Amino acid sequence: MYSLEFVNPLILVCLTPILGAVVLFSVSATNEYLCKLIALNTVCLTFLFSLVLWVQFDNTTALFQFSSTYDWIPSINLYYTIGIDGISLFFILLTTLLTIFCILVSWGSVQYLIKEYLICFLLLEFFLIQVFCVLDLLWFYIFFESVLIPMFLIVGVWGSRERKIRAAYQFFLYTLVGSLLMLLALLTIYFEVGTTDLQILWYYNFSELKQIIFWLAFFSSFAVKIPMIPFHIWLPEAHAEAPTAGSVILAGVLLKMGGYGFLRFSIPMFPEASIYFTPLIFTLSLIAILYASLTTLRQVDLKKIIAYSSVSHMGFVTIGIFSLNLQGIEGSILLMLSHGLVSSALFLCVGVLYDRYKTRILKYYGGLIQVMPIFGIFFLFFTFANLGFPGTSSFVGELLVLVGIFQINRILTFFAALGMVLGAAYSIWLFNRISFGGLKTQYFTTFQDVSRREFWILAPLTFLVLWIGIYPVSFLSEFHFSVLSLIEQLL
């Protein structure tokens, strides 16, 4: 029997989505069921291969594992290198898991150009996996920008409302312009060092001035992706206009690319500049936590409420990353994973409502716990997870971040913790408005609880949020040595 021991599972994870897209391309668009079946089997197979990565992963070392290097243009010292460490492992797992839910949630809601829609998602999964496993700065930039193309189409073609074209262009232009400075910095680095190999660049000593310039160039790209205030304008619009699956992958994975970029590139390559700009990051993050939380309280669109809460949560993440200590960085990684699960689940819950009642305006809902009790239980659980309730994944991440920044600045810790109080305010307010009160039968005549398919999408997310919240060491132990190695590079 053929054994996976002779095959690099990371290559299988990388190639499966693109092979699935090629197969899908050759299938007739009229056979919609076959297209869906091929896409679903492809993403499930990719997820299984990514689980093999976790099973075979050695968590006692910070070295990159499952590495492979291929010649690209060797005459000018450019190679394609892939590999993962503890930091990138769970981002790949998160990508492959959420893509399954994206295909399932679109099963009946997407009515036109289904084959093209599924191809976009397979390409998006391929690009995202590459972002988290390439160990070359140039290839990272290529895939980092390639993500924009399928996401632009998903928002612009299959979006739900009139302003979808505007939202798609806003998303595309914001993120593209933000990355142009990064491209210039990348070229400058290549001509100075002679390579874009990440493992060489980590140990190259740039001058302090160059570190500051390069750090700002990379920051312009990563800050837009996270997004940090004031670069966040595109996010609520993109979420509001995207289909449910688009919002899930956008909140669950795309927002993590900026945080991952800081951890993989900005901090280890430019350590002195990272320390120099820490007060700037703390200031912007604190503004994001407080401003976005207050803005969330005045939104009337369900998706915009969750989108602004994402800006607030990612503010916690950036504070944790730039605390530059073990607890803060580990907490920020755990919080990114938690946010990927919880915000995705909340967007799925909103999608359940939108599929039935074709509106996301808050005032039309009320008393749904009376007629949709199973939905109400799921929504209550993910609401509590969103506000960082003990026993859920968000609590562990936020606790570690607060422990990390408490060692640096206690006043900052107080204001960050105030963001948790505001988070509880808008989360409970949202749940109360939707679930309790009188049933608004003047707007809707029929009510339907979650379907079997929707139940089996939300149930695994519930399990994972509880798993991280109750037994976080099973995740923390995987990236502990990678984070320690990152901190050693700062010393």
Protein backbone atom coordinates (compact mmCIF):
# COMPACT_ATOMS: atom_id res chain seq x y z
CA MET A 1 0.00 0.00 0.00
CA TYR A 2 1.28 3.48 -0.90
CA SER A 3 2.33 5.38 2.21
CA LEU A 4 2.24 9.10 2.87
CA GLU A 5 5.75 8.74 4.32
CA PHE A 6 7.13 9.06 0.79
CA VAL A 7 5.10 12.15 -0.06
CA ASN A 8 5.55 15.57 1.48
CA PRO A 9 2.05 16.25 2.88
CA LEU A 10 2.61 20.00 2.53
CA ILE A 11 2.95 19.58 -1.25
CA LEU A 12 -0.33 17.63 -1.25
CA VAL A 13 -2.02 20.42 0.72
CA CYS A 14 -0.68 23.00 -1.74
CA LEU A 15 -1.55 21.15 -4.94
CA THR A 16 -4.97 19.66 -4.14
CA PRO A 17 -7.01 22.91 -4.47
CA ILE A 18 -5.39 23.90 -7.78
CA LEU A 19 -5.86 20.39 -9.19
CA GLY A 20 -9.49 20.49 -8.09
CA ALA A 21 -9.91 23.84 -9.87
CA VAL A 22 -8.44 22.33 -13.08
CA VAL A 23 -10.84 19.35 -12.89
CA LEU A 24 -13.74 21.71 -12.21
CA PHE A 25 -12.74 23.84 -15.20
CA SER A 26 -13.15 20.82 -17.50
CA VAL A 27 -16.65 19.96 -16.21
CA SER A 28 -19.74 21.35 -17.93
CA ALA A 29 -21.24 24.33 -16.11
CA THR A 30 -24.76 22.93 -16.66
CA ASN A 31 -24.03 19.98 -14.35
CA GLU A 32 -24.22 22.09 -11.18
CA TYR A 33 -24.48 19.18 -8.74
CA LEU A 34 -21.30 17.55 -10.10
CA CYS A 35 -19.46 20.89 -9.85
CA LYS A 36 -20.48 21.23 -6.19
CA LEU A 37 -19.51 17.62 -5.48
CA ILE A 38 -16.03 18.04 -7.03
CA ALA A 39 -15.42 21.27 -5.10
CA LEU A 40 -16.60 19.76 -1.80
CA ASN A 41 -14.49 16.62 -2.21
CA THR A 42 -11.46 18.73 -3.13
CA VAL A 43 -11.65 20.95 -0.04
CA CYS A 44 -12.36 17.96 2.23
CA LEU A 45 -9.32 16.15 0.82
CA THR A 46 -7.19 19.28 1.34
CA PHE A 47 -8.35 19.45 4.96
CA LEU A 48 -7.46 15.79 5.53
CA PHE A 49 -3.96 16.39 4.14
CA SER A 50 -3.59 19.42 6.43
CA LEU A 51 -4.54 17.20 9.41
CA VAL A 52 -1.66 14.91 8.39
CA LEU A 53 0.61 17.96 8.77
CA TRP A 54 -0.60 18.41 12.34
CA VAL A 55 -0.27 14.69 13.18
CA GLN A 56 3.29 14.51 11.82
CA PHE A 57 4.34 17.93 13.16
CA ASP A 58 7.23 17.92 15.66
CA ASN A 59 6.44 20.55 18.32
CA THR A 60 9.81 20.24 20.07
CA THR A 61 11.67 22.34 17.52
CA ALA A 62 11.39 25.81 16.00
CA LEU A 63 12.84 24.66 12.67
CA PHE A 64 10.74 24.71 9.51
CA GLN A 65 9.28 21.30 8.67
CA PHE A 66 8.05 19.61 5.47
CA SER A 67 10.40 21.95 3.58
CA SER A 68 10.95 21.76 -0.17
CA THR A 69 12.96 24.03 -2.47
CA TYR A 70 12.55 24.26 -6.24
CA ASP A 71 14.58 26.22 -8.79
CA TRP A 72 12.69 29.15 -10.26
CA ILE A 73 15.29 31.52 -11.73
CA PRO A 74 18.52 30.21 -10.17
CA SER A 75 20.69 32.52 -12.32
CA ILE A 76 19.49 35.48 -10.26
CA ASN A 77 19.23 33.50 -7.01
CA LEU A 78 15.42 33.16 -6.92
CA TYR A 79 13.89 29.94 -5.63
CA TYR A 80 10.46 28.69 -4.60
CA THR A 81 10.68 27.39 -1.02
CA ILE A 82 7.88 26.10 1.19
CA GLY A 83 7.84 24.92 4.80
CA ILE A 84 5.87 25.41 8.00
CA ASP A 85 6.58 26.03 11.65
CA GLY A 86 4.22 26.16 14.63
CA ILE A 87 3.01 29.66 13.73
CA SER A 88 1.91 28.82 10.19
CA LEU A 89 0.53 25.32 10.95
CA PHE A 90 -2.78 26.44 12.43
CA PHE A 91 -3.36 29.17 9.83
CA ILE A 92 -3.24 26.47 7.15
CA LEU A 93 -5.61 24.27 9.17
CA LEU A 94 -7.97 27.23 9.67
CA THR A 95 -7.94 27.97 5.92
CA THR A 96 -8.67 24.39 4.88
CA LEU A 97 -11.44 23.98 7.50
CA LEU A 98 -13.27 27.23 6.75
CA THR A 99 -13.18 26.60 3.00
CA ILE A 100 -15.27 23.44 3.59
CA PHE A 101 -17.88 25.52 5.42
CA CYS A 102 -17.80 28.13 2.63
CA ILE A 103 -18.67 25.48 0.02
CA LEU A 104 -21.39 23.99 2.23
CA VAL A 105 -23.02 27.31 3.09
CA SER A 106 -23.13 28.20 -0.62
CA TRP A 107 -24.78 24.87 -1.55
CA GLY A 108 -28.24 26.33 -2.08
CA SER A 109 -27.76 30.08 -1.79
CA VAL A 110 -25.66 30.73 -4.94
CA GLN A 111 -28.00 30.60 -7.94
CA TYR A 112 -25.87 31.64 -10.94
CA LEU A 113 -22.36 31.07 -12.33
CA ILE A 114 -21.93 28.26 -9.80
CA LYS A 115 -18.94 26.63 -11.52
CA GLU A 116 -17.06 29.94 -11.67
CA TYR A 117 -17.94 30.66 -8.03
CA LEU A 118 -16.50 27.33 -6.89
CA ILE A 119 -13.35 27.80 -8.99
CA CYS A 120 -12.82 31.19 -7.29
CA PHE A 121 -12.99 29.55 -3.86
CA LEU A 122 -10.55 26.77 -4.80
CA LEU A 123 -8.11 29.35 -6.18
CA LEU A 124 -8.56 31.49 -3.07
CA GLU A 125 -7.78 28.47 -0.87
CA PHE A 126 -4.67 27.71 -2.95
CA PHE A 127 -3.36 31.28 -2.65
CA LEU A 128 -4.04 31.46 1.09
CA ILE A 129 -2.24 28.19 1.80
CA GLN A 130 0.74 29.49 -0.21
CA VAL A 131 0.76 32.74 1.80
CA PHE A 132 1.16 30.75 5.02
CA CYS A 133 3.81 28.29 3.83
CA VAL A 134 6.15 30.06 1.37
CA LEU A 135 9.55 30.95 2.84
CA ASP A 136 10.53 33.46 0.19
CA LEU A 137 9.71 37.15 0.36
CA LEU A 138 9.01 37.56 -3.36
CA TRP A 139 6.71 34.53 -3.54
CA PHE A 140 4.93 35.71 -0.41
CA TYR A 141 4.24 39.04 -2.09
CA ILE A 142 2.96 37.31 -5.26
CA PHE A 143 0.48 35.13 -3.36
CA PHE A 144 -0.37 37.90 -0.89
CA GLU A 145 -1.58 40.00 -3.82
CA SER A 146 -3.08 37.09 -5.78
CA VAL A 147 -5.62 36.60 -3.00
CA LEU A 148 -7.22 39.87 -4.14
CA ILE A 149 -8.33 38.49 -7.53
CA PRO A 150 -10.75 35.70 -6.48
CA MET A 151 -11.94 37.76 -3.49
CA PHE A 152 -12.64 40.75 -5.76
CA LEU A 153 -14.78 38.51 -8.00
CA ILE A 154 -16.59 36.86 -5.08
CA VAL A 155 -17.64 40.25 -3.68
CA GLY A 156 -18.28 41.97 -7.03
CA VAL A 157 -20.12 39.18 -8.88
CA TRP A 158 -21.91 37.19 -6.15
CA GLY A 159 -22.45 40.01 -3.64
CA SER A 160 -25.91 40.45 -2.23
CA ARG A 161 -26.81 44.10 -2.83
CA GLU A 162 -26.57 47.05 -5.20
CA ARG A 163 -23.29 48.47 -3.85
CA LYS A 164 -21.30 45.27 -4.34
CA ILE A 165 -19.24 46.66 -7.27
CA ARG A 166 -18.23 49.71 -5.24
CA ALA A 167 -17.32 47.53 -2.25
CA ALA A 168 -15.26 45.18 -4.46
CA TYR A 169 -13.28 48.04 -5.99
CA GLN A 170 -12.78 49.66 -2.59
CA PHE A 171 -11.41 46.38 -1.19
CA PHE A 172 -9.16 45.84 -4.23
CA LEU A 173 -7.72 49.37 -4.41
CA TYR A 174 -7.13 49.79 -0.66
CA THR A 175 -5.20 46.55 -0.34
CA LEU A 176 -3.33 46.91 -3.64
CA VAL A 177 -2.16 50.47 -2.98
CA GLY A 178 -1.13 49.48 0.55
CA SER A 179 1.13 46.78 -0.88
CA LEU A 180 2.95 48.92 -3.45
CA LEU A 181 5.39 50.27 -0.84
CA MET A 182 6.05 46.70 0.26
CA LEU A 183 7.00 45.80 -3.34
CA LEU A 184 9.48 48.70 -3.50
CA ALA A 185 10.99 47.63 -0.17
CA LEU A 186 11.18 44.03 -1.40
CA LEU A 187 13.11 45.05 -4.53
CA THR A 188 15.48 47.22 -2.48
CA ILE A 189 16.13 44.30 -0.10
CA TYR A 190 16.79 41.96 -3.02
CA PHE A 191 19.35 44.28 -4.60
CA GLU A 192 21.10 44.80 -1.27
CA VAL A 193 21.17 41.21 -0.01
CA GLY A 194 21.05 39.35 -3.35
CA THR A 195 18.26 36.99 -2.33
CA THR A 196 14.66 36.97 -1.10
CA ASP A 197 15.09 33.76 0.93
CA LEU A 198 13.45 34.44 4.27
CA GLN A 199 15.80 32.25 6.30
CA ILE A 200 18.78 34.29 5.03
CA LEU A 201 17.06 37.67 5.46
CA TRP A 202 16.26 36.89 9.10
CA TYR A 203 19.98 36.92 9.91
CA TYR A 204 20.99 39.86 7.72
CA ASN A 205 21.75 43.03 9.68
CA PHE A 206 20.08 46.03 8.06
CA SER A 207 21.11 49.50 9.25
CA GLU A 208 18.76 51.18 11.71
CA LEU A 209 17.55 53.74 9.14
CA LYS A 210 16.86 51.04 6.54
CA GLN A 211 15.01 48.98 9.13
CA ILE A 212 12.72 51.94 9.87
CA ILE A 213 12.04 52.60 6.17
CA PHE A 214 11.46 48.93 5.34
CA TRP A 215 9.29 48.42 8.43
CA LEU A 216 7.03 51.32 7.42
CA ALA A 217 6.76 49.93 3.87
CA PHE A 218 5.70 46.51 5.16
CA PHE A 219 3.42 48.12 7.75
CA SER A 220 1.49 49.93 5.00
CA SER A 221 0.57 46.55 3.52
CA PHE A 222 -0.12 44.57 6.68
CA ALA A 223 -2.06 47.36 8.44
CA VAL A 224 -4.57 47.51 5.57
CA LYS A 225 -5.08 43.74 5.65
CA ILE A 226 -5.66 43.49 9.41
CA PRO A 227 -7.18 46.24 9.14
CA MET A 228 -5.91 48.83 11.61
CA ILE A 229 -7.59 52.19 12.02
CA PRO A 230 -7.49 54.41 9.93
CA PHE A 231 -7.02 51.81 7.14
CA HIS A 232 -10.24 49.95 7.98
CA ILE A 233 -12.79 51.76 5.76
CA TRP A 234 -12.94 48.97 3.16
CA LEU A 235 -13.79 46.20 5.66
CA PRO A 236 -17.42 46.95 6.72
CA GLU A 237 -18.38 47.66 3.09
CA ALA A 238 -16.77 44.45 1.82
CA HIS A 239 -18.46 42.40 4.54
CA ALA A 240 -21.85 43.99 3.99
CA GLU A 241 -21.84 43.33 0.24
CA ALA A 242 -20.09 39.93 0.13
CA PRO A 243 -22.07 36.66 0.07
CA THR A 244 -22.07 34.74 3.36
CA ALA A 245 -19.19 32.48 2.29
CA GLY A 246 -17.19 35.55 1.22
CA SER A 247 -17.64 37.14 4.66
CA VAL A 248 -16.64 33.87 6.36
CA ILE A 249 -13.33 33.53 4.49
CA LEU A 250 -12.65 37.28 4.70
CA ALA A 251 -13.10 37.45 8.47
CA GLY A 252 -11.78 33.98 9.17
CA VAL A 253 -8.55 33.99 7.17
CA LEU A 254 -7.85 37.14 5.10
CA LEU A 255 -7.69 39.42 8.15
CA LYS A 256 -5.05 37.11 9.66
CA MET A 257 -2.63 37.69 6.77
CA GLY A 258 -1.58 41.05 8.22
CA GLY A 259 -0.92 39.64 11.69
CA TYR A 260 0.95 36.70 10.18
CA GLY A 261 3.02 39.16 8.10
CA PHE A 262 4.08 41.04 11.23
CA LEU A 263 5.12 37.78 12.92
CA ARG A 264 6.89 36.28 9.93
CA PHE A 265 8.54 39.36 8.35
CA SER A 266 8.39 42.68 10.21
CA ILE A 267 9.49 41.55 13.67
CA PRO A 268 12.29 39.05 12.81
CA MET A 269 13.69 41.02 9.84
CA PHE A 270 13.48 44.49 11.39
CA PRO A 271 13.71 43.94 15.19
CA GLU A 272 15.04 47.39 16.09
CA ALA A 273 12.37 49.14 14.02
CA SER A 274 9.69 46.90 15.57
CA ILE A 275 10.74 48.02 19.05
CA TYR A 276 10.98 51.66 17.88
CA PHE A 277 7.42 51.66 16.46
CA THR A 278 5.81 49.77 19.33
CA PRO A 279 4.23 52.97 20.83
CA LEU A 280 2.66 53.74 17.42
CA ILE A 281 1.16 50.24 17.21
CA PHE A 282 -0.13 50.45 20.78
CA THR A 283 -1.78 53.81 20.07
CA LEU A 284 -3.46 52.69 16.84
CA SER A 285 -4.54 49.38 18.40
CA LEU A 286 -6.07 51.07 21.43
CA ILE A 287 -7.96 53.50 19.18
CA ALA A 288 -9.17 50.51 17.15
CA ILE A 289 -10.39 48.63 20.23
CA LEU A 290 -12.32 51.59 21.69
CA TYR A 291 -13.47 53.36 18.51
CA ALA A 292 -14.60 50.18 16.74
CA SER A 293 -16.45 48.96 19.84
CA LEU A 294 -18.34 52.26 20.15
CA THR A 295 -19.03 52.32 16.41
CA THR A 296 -20.41 48.77 16.59
CA LEU A 297 -23.06 49.93 19.07
CA ARG A 298 -24.59 52.31 16.53
CA GLN A 299 -24.74 49.99 13.50
CA VAL A 300 -28.05 48.69 12.16
CA ASP A 301 -26.75 46.15 9.60
CA LEU A 302 -26.02 42.74 11.16
CA LYS A 303 -22.90 42.17 9.06
CA LYS A 304 -21.49 45.62 9.79
CA ILE A 305 -21.92 44.96 13.53
CA ILE A 306 -19.75 41.85 13.28
CA ALA A 307 -17.32 43.59 10.88
CA TYR A 308 -16.65 46.46 13.28
CA SER A 309 -16.29 44.01 16.16
CA SER A 310 -13.59 42.30 14.04
CA VAL A 311 -11.66 45.58 13.86
CA SER A 312 -11.82 45.76 17.66
CA HIS A 313 -10.64 42.16 18.12
CA MET A 314 -7.77 42.58 15.68
CA GLY A 315 -6.69 45.59 17.76
CA PHE A 316 -6.16 43.14 20.62
CA VAL A 317 -4.13 40.95 18.26
CA THR A 318 -1.74 43.74 17.23
CA ILE A 319 -1.24 44.82 20.86
CA GLY A 320 -0.35 41.22 21.71
CA ILE A 321 2.07 40.84 18.78
CA PHE A 322 3.96 44.03 19.65
CA SER A 323 4.12 43.31 23.36
CA LEU A 324 7.13 41.33 22.05
CA ASN A 325 7.00 38.84 24.92
CA LEU A 326 6.02 35.17 25.06
CA GLN A 327 2.55 35.53 26.59
CA GLY A 328 1.50 38.42 24.37
CA ILE A 329 2.56 36.81 21.08
CA GLU A 330 1.15 33.38 21.98
CA GLY A 331 -2.09 35.06 23.06
CA SER A 332 -2.30 37.01 19.80
CA ILE A 333 -1.88 33.82 17.70
CA LEU A 334 -4.52 32.03 19.77
CA LEU A 335 -6.80 35.06 19.48
CA MET A 336 -6.40 35.09 15.69
CA LEU A 337 -7.40 31.42 15.55
CA SER A 338 -10.30 32.07 17.90
CA HIS A 339 -11.48 35.08 15.93
CA GLY A 340 -11.29 33.02 12.74
CA LEU A 341 -13.72 30.50 14.23
CA VAL A 342 -16.03 32.81 16.21
CA SER A 343 -16.46 35.61 13.65
CA SER A 344 -16.95 33.03 10.88
CA ALA A 345 -19.67 31.36 12.97
CA LEU A 346 -21.39 34.70 13.59
CA PHE A 347 -21.36 35.50 9.86
CA LEU A 348 -22.80 32.03 9.22
CA CYS A 349 -25.58 32.80 11.73
CA VAL A 350 -26.32 36.07 9.92
CA GLY A 351 -26.32 34.11 6.66
CA VAL A 352 -28.92 31.73 8.09
CA LEU A 353 -31.20 34.71 8.79
CA TYR A 354 -30.52 36.41 5.45
CA ASP A 355 -31.22 33.24 3.44
CA ARG A 356 -34.67 33.04 5.04
CA TYR A 357 -35.79 36.65 5.39
CA LYS A 358 -33.65 38.56 2.83
CA THR A 359 -32.75 41.41 5.16
CA ARG A 360 -29.90 42.17 7.54
CA ILE A 361 -31.44 45.29 9.11
CA LEU A 362 -31.64 44.79 12.86
CA LYS A 363 -35.03 46.44 13.45
CA TYR A 364 -36.87 43.75 11.48
CA TYR A 365 -35.82 41.01 13.90
CA GLY A 366 -37.03 40.18 17.38
CA GLY A 367 -38.21 37.24 19.47
CA LEU A 368 -36.59 34.62 17.22
CA ILE A 369 -35.78 32.38 20.22
CA GLN A 370 -39.50 31.49 20.28
CA VAL A 371 -39.54 30.04 16.76
CA MET A 372 -35.85 29.21 16.11
CA PRO A 373 -34.61 27.71 19.43
CA ILE A 374 -31.66 25.73 17.98
CA PHE A 375 -30.48 28.81 16.08
CA GLY A 376 -30.88 30.82 19.30
CA ILE A 377 -28.65 28.40 21.24
CA PHE A 378 -25.90 28.55 18.62
CA PHE A 379 -26.16 32.34 18.38
CA LEU A 380 -26.03 32.69 22.17
CA PHE A 381 -22.93 30.48 22.38
CA PHE A 382 -21.02 32.38 19.69
CA THR A 383 -22.12 35.72 21.15
CA PHE A 384 -20.60 34.72 24.49
CA ALA A 385 -17.48 33.47 22.70
CA ASN A 386 -17.22 36.83 20.93
CA LEU A 387 -17.25 38.75 24.21
CA GLY A 388 -14.52 36.52 25.67
CA PHE A 389 -16.56 34.45 28.12
CA PRO A 390 -14.46 32.04 30.27
CA GLY A 391 -14.38 28.56 28.77
CA THR A 392 -14.32 29.85 25.19
CA SER A 393 -11.32 30.35 22.92
CA SER A 394 -11.46 34.16 22.96
CA PHE A 395 -11.08 34.30 26.74
CA VAL A 396 -7.76 32.40 26.70
CA GLY A 397 -6.37 34.56 23.88
CA GLU A 398 -7.43 37.86 25.47
CA LEU A 399 -6.16 36.77 28.89
CA LEU A 400 -2.70 35.97 27.51
CA VAL A 401 -2.60 39.26 25.58
CA LEU A 402 -3.52 41.21 28.74
CA VAL A 403 -0.86 39.31 30.73
CA GLY A 404 1.65 40.18 28.00
CA ILE A 405 0.94 43.91 27.92
CA PHE A 406 0.57 44.15 31.73
CA GLN A 407 4.32 43.50 31.89
CA ILE A 408 4.91 46.59 29.73
CA ASN A 409 2.25 49.20 30.54
CA ARG A 410 -0.52 48.90 33.12
CA ILE A 411 -2.44 51.93 31.88
CA LEU A 412 -2.57 50.42 28.40
CA THR A 413 -3.82 47.16 29.96
CA PHE A 414 -6.66 49.03 31.68
CA PHE A 415 -7.90 50.66 28.45
CA ALA A 416 -7.54 47.40 26.50
CA ALA A 417 -9.60 45.64 29.18
CA LEU A 418 -12.19 48.42 28.81
CA GLY A 419 -12.56 47.22 25.22
CA MET A 420 -13.64 43.84 26.59
CA VAL A 421 -16.40 45.56 28.57
CA LEU A 422 -17.59 47.38 25.43
CA GLY A 423 -17.38 44.08 23.56
CA ALA A 424 -19.72 42.53 26.08
CA ALA A 425 -22.07 45.51 25.67
CA TYR A 426 -22.50 45.28 21.89
CA SER A 427 -22.54 41.45 21.86
CA ILE A 428 -25.31 41.15 24.46
CA TRP A 429 -27.19 44.06 22.89
CA LEU A 430 -27.15 42.32 19.50
CA PHE A 431 -28.30 38.97 20.89
CA ASN A 432 -31.05 40.62 22.94
CA ARG A 433 -32.43 42.55 19.94
CA ILE A 434 -32.56 39.47 17.70
CA SER A 435 -33.66 36.76 20.12
CA PHE A 436 -35.84 38.35 22.79
CA GLY A 437 -38.84 40.66 22.81
CA GLY A 438 -42.00 40.30 20.78
CA LEU A 439 -42.01 38.21 17.61
CA LYS A 440 -42.30 40.63 14.68
CA THR A 441 -44.84 38.72 12.59
CA GLN A 442 -45.75 41.85 10.63
CA TYR A 443 -42.51 41.42 8.65
CA PHE A 444 -42.26 37.62 8.33
CA THR A 445 -45.10 35.10 8.09
CA THR A 446 -43.11 31.84 8.19
CA PHE A 447 -40.19 30.84 10.38
CA GLN A 448 -37.77 27.95 9.96
CA ASP A 449 -35.07 26.77 12.37
CA VAL A 450 -31.60 25.71 11.22
CA SER A 451 -31.49 22.95 8.61
CA ARG A 452 -29.47 19.75 9.06
CA ARG A 453 -26.70 21.13 6.80
CA GLU A 454 -26.52 24.39 8.79
CA PHE A 455 -26.45 22.44 12.06
CA TRP A 456 -23.46 20.36 10.93
CA ILE A 457 -21.65 23.54 9.88
CA LEU A 458 -22.14 25.29 13.24
CA ALA A 459 -21.63 22.23 15.49
CA PRO A 460 -17.92 21.64 14.65
CA LEU A 461 -17.19 25.35 15.17
CA THR A 462 -18.84 25.11 18.61
CA PHE A 463 -16.68 22.11 19.47
CA LEU A 464 -13.45 23.83 18.35
CA VAL A 465 -14.20 27.05 20.28
CA LEU A 466 -14.79 24.96 23.43
CA TRP A 467 -11.68 22.83 22.78
CA ILE A 468 -9.38 25.86 22.56
CA GLY A 469 -11.10 27.48 25.56
CA ILE A 470 -10.95 24.43 27.83
CA TYR A 471 -7.67 22.81 26.74
CA PRO A 472 -5.55 25.52 25.07
CA VAL A 473 -2.24 23.76 25.77
CA SER A 474 -2.91 21.37 22.86
CA PHE A 475 -2.58 24.42 20.58
CA LEU A 476 -0.10 26.52 22.56
CA SER A 477 2.41 23.66 22.72
CA GLU A 478 2.54 23.46 18.91
CA PHE A 479 3.80 27.02 18.38
CA HIS A 480 5.58 27.56 21.71
CA PHE A 481 9.11 26.93 20.37
CA SER A 482 8.45 28.93 17.20
CA VAL A 483 7.45 31.95 19.31
CA LEU A 484 10.48 31.49 21.58
CA SER A 485 12.70 31.49 18.47
CA LEU A 486 11.01 34.68 17.25
CA ILE A 487 11.65 36.43 20.58
CA GLU A 488 15.32 35.31 20.57
CA GLN A 489 15.77 37.09 17.23
CA LEU A 490 14.76 40.34 18.96
CA LEU A 491 17.48 40.02 21.59
